[in-house]
Amino acid sequence: MTALDTEPGCDTSDMLTIHALFRRAFADAPGLVRGVGDGDVARARIVGTHVREVAGALHNHHTGEDELLWDTLEKRAPACALHVGLMRAQHQQTAVLLDALQADLPAWESSGAALDAAPVAEALDALRDLLLTHLGQEEAEILPTAATVMTQREWGALHEHGMASIPRDRMLLQLGWILEVIPPDERAGWLRTNLPAPARVMWRVVGRRQFAAHRARVYGT
């Protein structure tokens, strides 16, 4: 058994990158929906697929925290219990909004009608506003405590949970979205730190071009 298993203290900075990804995605999503022309079914399906993917990623991210983070923090840092309770409540509020979003998407994807787009965009507005509050509070109140009381292996389980939820054929696309929220002068270092050499080669040879085409398709540029 190594220090990773037994010694408290971990680097939680990877969560800041994931939070930046969600901030960007949910800030842009309402505008993408409202930007679809009335009756443009093809475009509604493209944007709808993107919204489903982003919403699914958020759901999986919150599931990982619900299963792997909150109980541990409450046991090891009782003073953090109020903050954990707030996080749990905000996750429940997010789940309600995600359910509403999933319920509203099919009608819009089928019709492309502005009338059907309205509830989708409104659900995304509400998710964006809730996330801006939730993510900021998590960074201020939860991450410092987790960095003190959790082991690196325990924290790494959150990353493993998140990776397991991404289909293999979407891995390079997900990497592209992550790199977008990393400052350009830090991307090379991030890739060296977080990806093995074969994966970096795959990104350069295949992923970068694949993501550029996907991003243009989603954003309509």
Protein backbone atom coordinates (compact mmCIF):
# COMPACT_ATOMS: atom_id res chain seq x y z
CA MET A 1 0.00 0.00 0.00
CA THR A 2 1.42 3.37 -1.03
CA ALA A 3 1.02 6.92 0.20
CA LEU A 4 -1.59 7.42 -2.53
CA ASP A 5 -3.83 4.98 -0.67
CA THR A 6 -3.36 6.22 2.88
CA GLU A 7 -2.11 9.79 3.14
CA PRO A 8 -4.65 12.63 2.97
CA GLY A 9 -3.86 15.45 0.60
CA CYS A 10 -4.58 15.58 -3.12
CA ASP A 11 -4.46 17.89 -6.12
CA THR A 12 -8.00 18.94 -7.03
CA SER A 13 -7.04 21.39 -9.78
CA ASP A 14 -8.29 19.08 -12.52
CA MET A 15 -11.82 19.89 -11.35
CA LEU A 16 -11.30 23.53 -12.31
CA THR A 17 -10.79 22.46 -15.92
CA ILE A 18 -13.96 20.37 -15.90
CA HIS A 19 -15.89 23.26 -14.38
CA ALA A 20 -14.56 25.62 -17.06
CA LEU A 21 -15.78 23.15 -19.67
CA PHE A 22 -19.30 23.15 -18.23
CA ARG A 23 -19.35 26.93 -17.84
CA ARG A 24 -18.46 27.36 -21.51
CA ALA A 25 -20.85 24.68 -22.77
CA PHE A 26 -23.89 25.89 -20.84
CA ALA A 27 -23.15 29.55 -21.50
CA ASP A 28 -23.20 28.87 -25.25
CA ALA A 29 -26.03 26.33 -25.41
CA PRO A 30 -29.07 28.65 -25.08
CA GLY A 31 -27.77 30.85 -27.89
CA LEU A 32 -27.14 27.84 -30.11
CA VAL A 33 -30.75 26.74 -29.65
CA ARG A 34 -32.20 30.20 -30.23
CA GLY A 35 -29.98 30.63 -33.27
CA VAL A 36 -31.64 27.78 -35.17
CA GLY A 37 -33.99 29.04 -37.87
CA ASP A 38 -37.67 28.37 -37.39
CA GLY A 39 -38.40 25.00 -39.00
CA ASP A 40 -34.76 24.08 -39.68
CA VAL A 41 -35.02 20.45 -38.60
CA ALA A 42 -31.54 19.47 -39.77
CA ARG A 43 -29.90 22.18 -37.71
CA ALA A 44 -32.15 21.50 -34.71
CA ARG A 45 -31.01 17.88 -34.72
CA ILE A 46 -27.34 18.85 -34.81
CA VAL A 47 -27.69 21.29 -31.93
CA GLY A 48 -30.02 18.94 -30.09
CA THR A 49 -27.47 16.15 -30.26
CA HIS A 50 -24.82 18.49 -28.86
CA VAL A 51 -27.13 19.60 -26.05
CA ARG A 52 -27.91 15.97 -25.18
CA GLU A 53 -24.20 15.18 -25.00
CA VAL A 54 -23.42 18.15 -22.78
CA ALA A 55 -26.39 17.38 -20.54
CA GLY A 56 -25.35 13.74 -20.29
CA ALA A 57 -21.81 14.74 -19.35
CA LEU A 58 -23.12 16.97 -16.56
CA HIS A 59 -25.37 14.19 -15.27
CA ASN A 60 -22.47 11.72 -15.20
CA HIS A 61 -20.22 14.27 -13.52
CA HIS A 62 -22.75 14.89 -10.75
CA THR A 63 -23.37 11.15 -10.35
CA GLY A 64 -19.65 10.65 -9.73
CA GLU A 65 -19.63 13.33 -7.03
CA ASP A 66 -22.79 11.92 -5.45
CA GLU A 67 -21.28 8.44 -5.28
CA LEU A 68 -17.64 9.19 -4.49
CA LEU A 69 -17.31 12.60 -2.86
CA TRP A 70 -20.08 13.78 -0.54
CA ASP A 71 -20.16 10.92 1.98
CA THR A 72 -16.38 10.98 2.33
CA LEU A 73 -16.32 14.71 3.00
CA GLU A 74 -19.12 14.53 5.55
CA LYS A 75 -17.31 11.78 7.48
CA ARG A 76 -13.85 13.32 7.44
CA ALA A 77 -14.73 17.00 7.63
CA PRO A 78 -17.96 17.36 9.66
CA ALA A 79 -17.61 21.13 9.54
CA CYS A 80 -18.14 20.86 5.77
CA ALA A 81 -21.51 19.12 6.17
CA LEU A 82 -23.56 22.26 5.54
CA HIS A 83 -21.70 22.92 2.31
CA VAL A 84 -22.09 19.30 1.25
CA GLY A 85 -25.81 19.54 1.97
CA LEU A 86 -26.03 22.57 -0.29
CA MET A 87 -24.17 20.70 -3.04
CA ARG A 88 -26.56 17.77 -2.76
CA ALA A 89 -29.57 20.09 -2.97
CA GLN A 90 -28.16 21.87 -6.02
CA HIS A 91 -27.52 18.52 -7.69
CA GLN A 92 -31.17 17.62 -7.13
CA GLN A 93 -32.26 20.94 -8.63
CA THR A 94 -29.98 20.31 -11.60
CA ALA A 95 -31.46 16.83 -12.08
CA VAL A 96 -34.96 18.29 -12.27
CA LEU A 97 -33.86 20.77 -14.93
CA LEU A 98 -32.01 18.07 -16.88
CA ASP A 99 -35.14 15.91 -16.87
CA ALA A 100 -37.19 18.83 -18.18
CA LEU A 101 -34.60 19.46 -20.87
CA GLN A 102 -34.63 15.83 -21.99
CA ALA A 103 -38.43 15.89 -22.09
CA ASP A 104 -38.53 19.04 -24.26
CA LEU A 105 -35.79 18.13 -26.75
CA PRO A 106 -37.61 15.51 -28.90
CA ALA A 107 -40.40 17.84 -30.04
CA TRP A 108 -37.93 20.50 -31.11
CA GLU A 109 -35.62 18.03 -32.84
CA SER A 110 -38.58 16.71 -34.80
CA SER A 111 -40.08 20.06 -35.80
CA GLY A 112 -37.26 22.60 -35.64
CA ALA A 113 -40.02 25.06 -34.71
CA ALA A 114 -39.19 28.17 -32.70
CA LEU A 115 -42.21 27.42 -30.51
CA ASP A 116 -40.67 24.07 -29.53
CA ALA A 117 -37.21 25.61 -29.14
CA ALA A 118 -38.41 28.04 -26.47
CA PRO A 119 -38.74 25.57 -23.55
CA VAL A 120 -35.41 23.96 -24.50
CA ALA A 121 -33.63 27.31 -24.41
CA GLU A 122 -35.38 28.27 -21.16
CA ALA A 123 -34.29 25.03 -19.48
CA LEU A 124 -30.74 25.73 -20.62
CA ASP A 125 -30.94 29.28 -19.28
CA ALA A 126 -31.96 27.91 -15.89
CA LEU A 127 -29.22 25.27 -15.94
CA ARG A 128 -26.61 27.89 -16.83
CA ASP A 129 -27.68 30.18 -14.00
CA LEU A 130 -27.75 27.37 -11.45
CA LEU A 131 -24.38 26.03 -12.58
CA LEU A 132 -22.69 29.40 -12.35
CA THR A 133 -23.69 29.54 -8.70
CA HIS A 134 -23.06 25.87 -7.95
CA LEU A 135 -19.64 25.58 -9.55
CA GLY A 136 -18.38 28.73 -7.88
CA GLN A 137 -19.53 27.55 -4.46
CA GLU A 138 -18.02 24.11 -5.02
CA GLU A 139 -14.68 25.67 -5.90
CA ALA A 140 -14.75 27.95 -2.86
CA GLU A 141 -16.14 25.59 -0.22
CA ILE A 142 -15.59 21.99 -1.34
CA LEU A 143 -12.33 21.71 -3.27
CA PRO A 144 -10.10 23.13 -0.51
CA THR A 145 -11.53 20.65 1.99
CA ALA A 146 -11.27 17.73 -0.42
CA ALA A 147 -7.64 18.64 -1.09
CA THR A 148 -6.95 18.30 2.63
CA VAL A 149 -8.88 15.18 3.66
CA MET A 150 -8.95 12.93 0.59
CA THR A 151 -6.11 10.81 -0.77
CA GLN A 152 -4.91 11.22 -4.34
CA ARG A 153 -6.21 7.75 -5.18
CA GLU A 154 -9.66 8.61 -3.86
CA TRP A 155 -9.70 11.82 -5.85
CA GLY A 156 -8.49 9.96 -8.92
CA ALA A 157 -11.57 7.73 -8.71
CA LEU A 158 -13.65 10.74 -9.74
CA HIS A 159 -11.56 11.11 -12.89
CA GLU A 160 -11.87 7.40 -13.62
CA HIS A 161 -15.64 7.57 -13.21
CA GLY A 162 -15.83 10.47 -15.63
CA MET A 163 -13.64 8.77 -18.22
CA ALA A 164 -15.67 5.56 -18.04
CA SER A 165 -18.81 7.50 -19.00
CA ILE A 166 -17.36 8.77 -22.31
CA PRO A 167 -17.92 6.50 -25.34
CA ARG A 168 -14.65 5.58 -27.03
CA ASP A 169 -15.68 7.20 -30.30
CA ARG A 170 -16.23 10.53 -28.49
CA MET A 171 -12.93 10.62 -26.59
CA LEU A 172 -11.07 12.83 -29.06
CA LEU A 173 -14.02 15.19 -29.35
CA GLN A 174 -14.19 15.50 -25.57
CA LEU A 175 -10.46 16.22 -25.53
CA GLY A 176 -11.00 19.00 -28.05
CA TRP A 177 -13.64 20.67 -25.88
CA ILE A 178 -11.33 20.44 -22.87
CA LEU A 179 -8.41 21.96 -24.74
CA GLU A 180 -10.62 24.90 -25.75
CA VAL A 181 -10.91 26.03 -22.12
CA ILE A 182 -7.18 25.69 -21.42
CA PRO A 183 -5.11 28.81 -22.23
CA PRO A 184 -3.29 28.29 -25.55
CA ASP A 185 0.16 28.67 -24.00
CA GLU A 186 -0.64 25.90 -21.48
CA ARG A 187 -2.09 23.31 -23.84
CA ALA A 188 1.15 21.58 -24.81
CA GLY A 189 2.10 21.16 -21.16
CA TRP A 190 -1.37 19.94 -20.28
CA LEU A 191 -1.21 17.31 -23.01
CA ARG A 192 2.21 16.09 -21.84
CA THR A 193 1.00 15.85 -18.25
CA ASN A 194 -2.35 14.21 -18.88
CA LEU A 195 -1.95 12.05 -21.98
CA PRO A 196 0.51 9.26 -22.81
CA ALA A 197 2.62 9.70 -25.94
CA PRO A 198 0.43 7.48 -28.20
CA ALA A 199 -2.67 9.48 -27.27
CA ARG A 200 -0.86 12.75 -28.01
CA VAL A 201 0.10 11.43 -31.43
CA MET A 202 -3.51 10.36 -32.05
CA TRP A 203 -4.68 13.86 -31.17
CA ARG A 204 -2.20 15.51 -33.54
CA VAL A 205 -2.80 13.12 -36.43
CA VAL A 206 -6.55 12.51 -36.17
CA GLY A 207 -8.20 14.25 -33.24
CA ARG A 208 -7.38 17.87 -33.95
CA ARG A 209 -8.86 17.74 -37.45
CA GLN A 210 -11.83 15.64 -36.32
CA PHE A 211 -12.65 18.08 -33.53
CA ALA A 212 -12.35 21.14 -35.77
CA ALA A 213 -14.93 19.66 -38.14
CA HIS A 214 -17.22 18.69 -35.27
CA ARG A 215 -16.98 22.11 -33.65
CA ALA A 216 -17.80 23.84 -36.94
CA ARG A 217 -20.81 21.58 -37.35
CA VAL A 218 -22.11 22.35 -33.85
CA TYR A 219 -21.51 26.09 -34.00
CA GLY A 220 -22.53 26.44 -37.62
CA THR A 221 -19.27 28.02 -38.73
